[in-house]
């Protein structure tokens, strides 16, 4: 199989390139992100086929609108959130849990997330379903919840971009590790949403929670890994 290219840009921001070349930018909090390497805060470097925004909080919506205006890329998110952005119709790709939006050679289903989002409706996670049968699950800021069993049953994610940030706002690394043990069987686990701000978990916390799980792939911001 051809490689899926995943670049962690810090916090919950990722650039994902499918084997067919479809390029997705997810939760692009970049210019104000202390974990994003300086070279990657230059918004002119991004030419995504679509921008995915899991919810309206600043550390996820971030630079989505600036990139969309500069490139003409569509923004994918919940219908309520997208409807309020004032984008041209062709760039406003709103949906909701259970729906899916095609982008190039991939499909992007919406799945639930346990968090908040105001303004802009409910938070979501995204699955990026590839034509070769593999899929990537970006959890957004979710806490563990029992419907993760259905996400596994329906989508069977090969790669999980997993929130493990902890602190006052999201689940901690131990809870993230429990979610994997209880509900999922991925080939790779890419932790995210940690070490950005002092209140969040550190890389050492993440590694301790996952112990000897060889599927854990701790990326460094700005580095691309093939899966």
Protein backbone atom coordinates (compact mmCIF):
# COMPACT_ATOMS: atom_id res chain seq x y z
CA UNK A 1 0.00 0.00 0.00
CA UNK A 2 1.09 3.57 -0.64
CA UNK A 3 1.87 5.71 2.39
CA UNK A 4 -0.43 8.05 4.24
CA UNK A 5 1.59 11.15 5.13
CA UNK A 6 0.79 12.65 8.54
CA UNK A 7 2.40 15.88 9.79
CA UNK A 8 1.66 17.00 13.33
CA UNK A 9 1.66 20.79 13.45
CA UNK A 10 1.31 21.01 17.23
CA UNK A 11 -1.70 20.74 19.55
CA UNK A 12 -4.58 19.21 17.52
CA UNK A 13 -3.42 20.51 14.14
CA UNK A 14 -2.45 18.05 11.41
CA UNK A 15 -1.81 17.94 7.71
CA UNK A 16 -2.81 14.58 6.23
CA UNK A 17 -2.04 13.60 2.64
CA UNK A 18 -3.74 10.52 1.23
CA UNK A 19 -1.91 8.04 -1.03
CA UNK A 20 -3.77 9.63 -3.95
CA UNK A 21 -2.57 13.12 -3.02
CA UNK A 22 -5.69 14.55 -1.35
CA UNK A 23 -4.43 17.05 1.22
CA UNK A 24 -6.42 17.81 4.36
CA UNK A 25 -5.65 20.37 7.05
CA UNK A 26 -7.28 19.52 10.39
CA UNK A 27 -7.87 22.01 13.24
CA UNK A 28 -5.30 24.52 11.95
CA UNK A 29 -4.41 26.47 15.10
CA UNK A 30 -1.02 27.66 13.87
CA UNK A 31 -0.02 31.34 14.10
CA UNK A 32 -0.77 31.57 17.85
CA UNK A 33 0.21 27.99 18.64
CA UNK A 34 3.34 27.89 20.83
CA UNK A 35 4.03 24.31 19.74
CA UNK A 36 4.00 25.03 16.00
CA UNK A 37 7.52 25.44 14.53
CA UNK A 38 8.05 28.94 13.10
CA UNK A 39 8.31 27.70 9.51
CA UNK A 40 4.85 26.17 9.81
CA UNK A 41 3.18 29.35 11.06
CA UNK A 42 3.55 30.82 7.55
CA UNK A 43 0.02 30.31 6.25
CA UNK A 44 1.22 30.79 2.67
CA UNK A 45 2.72 27.29 2.68
CA UNK A 46 -0.68 25.58 2.90
CA UNK A 47 -2.73 24.57 -0.13
CA UNK A 48 -5.25 22.09 1.28
CA UNK A 49 -8.03 20.43 -0.66
CA UNK A 50 -10.18 20.96 2.44
CA UNK A 51 -9.90 22.31 5.98
CA UNK A 52 -11.55 20.27 8.76
CA UNK A 53 -12.60 22.02 11.98
CA UNK A 54 -13.78 19.80 14.83
CA UNK A 55 -15.30 22.64 16.88
CA UNK A 56 -15.29 26.39 17.30
CA UNK A 57 -12.75 26.86 20.13
CA UNK A 58 -9.82 29.11 19.21
CA UNK A 59 -7.24 26.33 19.61
CA UNK A 60 -8.97 24.33 16.86
CA UNK A 61 -10.65 26.83 14.52
CA UNK A 62 -7.47 28.92 14.69
CA UNK A 63 -6.41 30.01 11.22
CA UNK A 64 -9.06 28.11 9.26
CA UNK A 65 -10.77 31.21 7.88
CA UNK A 66 -7.55 32.96 6.86
CA UNK A 67 -6.36 29.87 4.98
CA UNK A 68 -9.78 29.39 3.38
CA UNK A 69 -9.87 33.00 2.18
CA UNK A 70 -6.33 32.82 0.81
CA UNK A 71 -6.68 29.49 -0.99
CA UNK A 72 -10.36 29.02 -1.77
CA UNK A 73 -10.30 25.70 0.11
CA UNK A 74 -13.62 24.56 1.55
CA UNK A 75 -14.11 24.32 5.31
CA UNK A 76 -15.74 21.18 6.70
CA UNK A 77 -17.48 21.25 10.08
CA UNK A 78 -20.89 21.07 11.68
CA UNK A 79 -23.66 22.77 9.72
CA UNK A 80 -24.30 25.28 12.53
CA UNK A 81 -20.65 26.33 12.73
CA UNK A 82 -20.08 26.50 8.97
CA UNK A 83 -23.31 28.43 8.34
CA UNK A 84 -22.11 31.30 10.53
CA UNK A 85 -18.72 31.76 8.85
CA UNK A 86 -19.95 33.77 5.88
CA UNK A 87 -18.05 31.68 3.34
CA UNK A 88 -19.10 31.39 -0.31
CA UNK A 89 -21.46 28.46 -0.83
CA UNK A 90 -18.86 26.29 -2.57
CA UNK A 91 -16.52 26.64 0.43
CA UNK A 92 -19.13 26.02 3.13
CA UNK A 93 -19.29 22.24 3.58
CA UNK A 94 -21.42 21.78 6.67
CA UNK A 95 -22.59 18.41 7.90
CA UNK A 96 -23.42 16.54 11.07
CA UNK A 97 -22.90 13.27 12.90
CA UNK A 98 -23.72 10.32 10.66
CA UNK A 99 -23.10 12.28 7.48
CA UNK A 100 -20.02 12.29 5.27
CA UNK A 101 -18.47 14.69 2.77
CA UNK A 102 -16.34 13.56 -0.20
CA UNK A 103 -13.04 15.36 -0.80
CA UNK A 104 -11.04 14.25 -3.80
CA UNK A 105 -10.30 10.54 -3.43
CA UNK A 106 -11.34 10.37 0.24
CA UNK A 107 -14.55 10.61 2.23
CA UNK A 108 -14.88 12.42 5.56
CA UNK A 109 -17.57 11.03 7.89
CA UNK A 110 -18.59 13.01 10.99
CA UNK A 111 -18.60 11.15 14.32
CA UNK A 112 -19.65 12.29 17.83
CA UNK A 113 -17.37 13.95 20.36
CA UNK A 114 -17.98 14.66 24.05
CA UNK A 115 -16.91 18.27 24.55
CA UNK A 116 -18.41 21.73 23.91
CA UNK A 117 -18.56 24.24 21.06
CA UNK A 118 -20.00 27.71 21.34
CA UNK A 119 -20.85 29.39 19.11
CA UNK A 120 -21.21 26.84 16.40
CA UNK A 121 -23.21 23.84 17.54
CA UNK A 122 -21.85 20.54 18.72
CA UNK A 123 -18.24 19.31 18.62
CA UNK A 124 -17.38 16.39 16.36
CA UNK A 125 -14.58 14.07 15.43
CA UNK A 126 -13.67 13.16 11.86
CA UNK A 127 -12.85 9.94 10.07
CA UNK A 128 -10.84 10.18 6.86
CA UNK A 129 -11.83 7.11 4.86
CA UNK A 130 -9.36 6.16 2.12
CA UNK A 131 -10.14 4.29 -1.08
CA UNK A 132 -7.81 1.43 -0.07
CA UNK A 133 -9.97 0.62 2.99
CA UNK A 134 -7.80 2.29 5.63
CA UNK A 135 -9.07 5.17 7.74
CA UNK A 136 -7.79 7.86 10.10
CA UNK A 137 -9.81 9.01 13.13
CA UNK A 138 -9.19 12.50 14.50
CA UNK A 139 -10.94 12.47 17.86
CA UNK A 140 -11.23 16.21 18.35
CA UNK A 141 -11.35 17.16 22.02
CA UNK A 142 -13.52 14.27 23.08
CA UNK A 143 -13.65 12.43 26.37
CA UNK A 144 -14.02 8.64 26.33
CA UNK A 145 -17.62 7.55 25.62
CA UNK A 146 -19.31 4.24 24.90
CA UNK A 147 -20.27 5.07 21.29
CA UNK A 148 -16.57 4.75 20.48
CA UNK A 149 -17.48 1.07 20.12
CA UNK A 150 -19.68 2.02 17.17
CA UNK A 151 -16.95 4.19 15.63
CA UNK A 152 -14.73 1.10 15.75
CA UNK A 153 -17.42 -1.20 14.38
CA UNK A 154 -18.36 1.08 11.49
CA UNK A 155 -15.08 2.75 10.58
CA UNK A 156 -12.33 0.49 12.01
CA UNK A 157 -9.72 3.28 12.13
CA UNK A 158 -6.19 2.25 11.16
CA UNK A 159 -4.64 5.41 12.64
CA UNK A 160 -6.07 7.32 15.60
CA UNK A 161 -5.07 10.94 16.21
CA UNK A 162 -5.93 10.84 19.91
CA UNK A 163 -6.63 13.64 22.35
CA UNK A 164 -4.63 13.03 25.54
CA UNK A 165 -4.18 16.59 26.81
CA UNK A 166 -5.68 16.42 30.28
CA UNK A 167 -5.83 19.57 32.36
CA UNK A 168 -9.18 21.24 33.03
CA UNK A 169 -10.64 20.81 29.52
CA UNK A 170 -10.03 17.36 28.04
CA UNK A 171 -9.27 13.74 28.88
CA UNK A 172 -5.86 12.86 30.29
CA UNK A 173 -3.39 10.34 28.82
CA UNK A 174 -4.57 7.52 31.08
CA UNK A 175 -8.16 7.96 29.92
CA UNK A 176 -7.02 8.11 26.32
CA UNK A 177 -5.12 4.86 26.78
CA UNK A 178 -8.23 3.30 28.33
CA UNK A 179 -10.28 4.34 25.28
CA UNK A 180 -7.83 2.49 23.03
CA UNK A 181 -7.80 -0.64 25.17
CA UNK A 182 -11.57 -0.71 25.56
CA UNK A 183 -12.81 0.26 22.11
CA UNK A 184 -10.19 0.30 19.37
CA UNK A 185 -7.63 -1.82 17.55
CA UNK A 186 -5.60 0.60 15.42
CA UNK A 187 -2.27 0.04 13.74
CA UNK A 188 -0.96 3.37 15.08
CA UNK A 189 -1.88 5.80 17.87
CA UNK A 190 -0.71 9.38 17.39
CA UNK A 191 -1.21 11.41 20.60
CA UNK A 192 -2.16 15.07 20.34
CA UNK A 193 -3.34 18.09 22.33
CA UNK A 194 -0.52 17.70 24.88
CA UNK A 195 2.52 19.84 25.86
CA UNK A 196 1.16 22.98 24.19
CA UNK A 197 0.37 24.89 27.38
CA UNK A 198 1.58 24.42 30.98
CA UNK A 199 -1.76 22.97 32.17
CA UNK A 200 -1.57 20.09 29.68
CA UNK A 201 0.09 16.69 29.93
CA UNK A 202 3.75 16.35 28.99
CA UNK A 203 5.27 13.90 26.54
CA UNK A 204 6.57 11.92 29.52
CA UNK A 205 3.01 11.69 30.88
CA UNK A 206 1.80 10.36 27.54
CA UNK A 207 4.54 7.75 27.24
CA UNK A 208 3.94 6.60 30.83
CA UNK A 209 0.22 6.12 30.21
CA UNK A 210 0.78 3.95 27.13
CA UNK A 211 3.72 2.05 28.67
CA UNK A 212 4.93 -0.60 26.22
CA UNK A 213 2.24 -0.16 23.55
CA UNK A 214 4.33 -0.36 20.39
CA UNK A 215 1.55 1.25 18.36
CA UNK A 216 2.20 4.60 20.05
CA UNK A 217 3.75 7.02 17.54
CA UNK A 218 4.80 10.23 19.28
CA UNK A 219 5.44 12.77 16.54
CA UNK A 220 7.37 16.01 16.81
CA UNK A 221 5.69 19.14 15.47
CA UNK A 222 6.66 19.80 11.88
CA UNK A 223 7.89 16.27 11.19
CA UNK A 224 6.07 14.14 8.58
CA UNK A 225 5.66 10.42 9.13
CA UNK A 226 4.52 7.84 6.60
CA UNK A 227 2.02 5.21 7.70
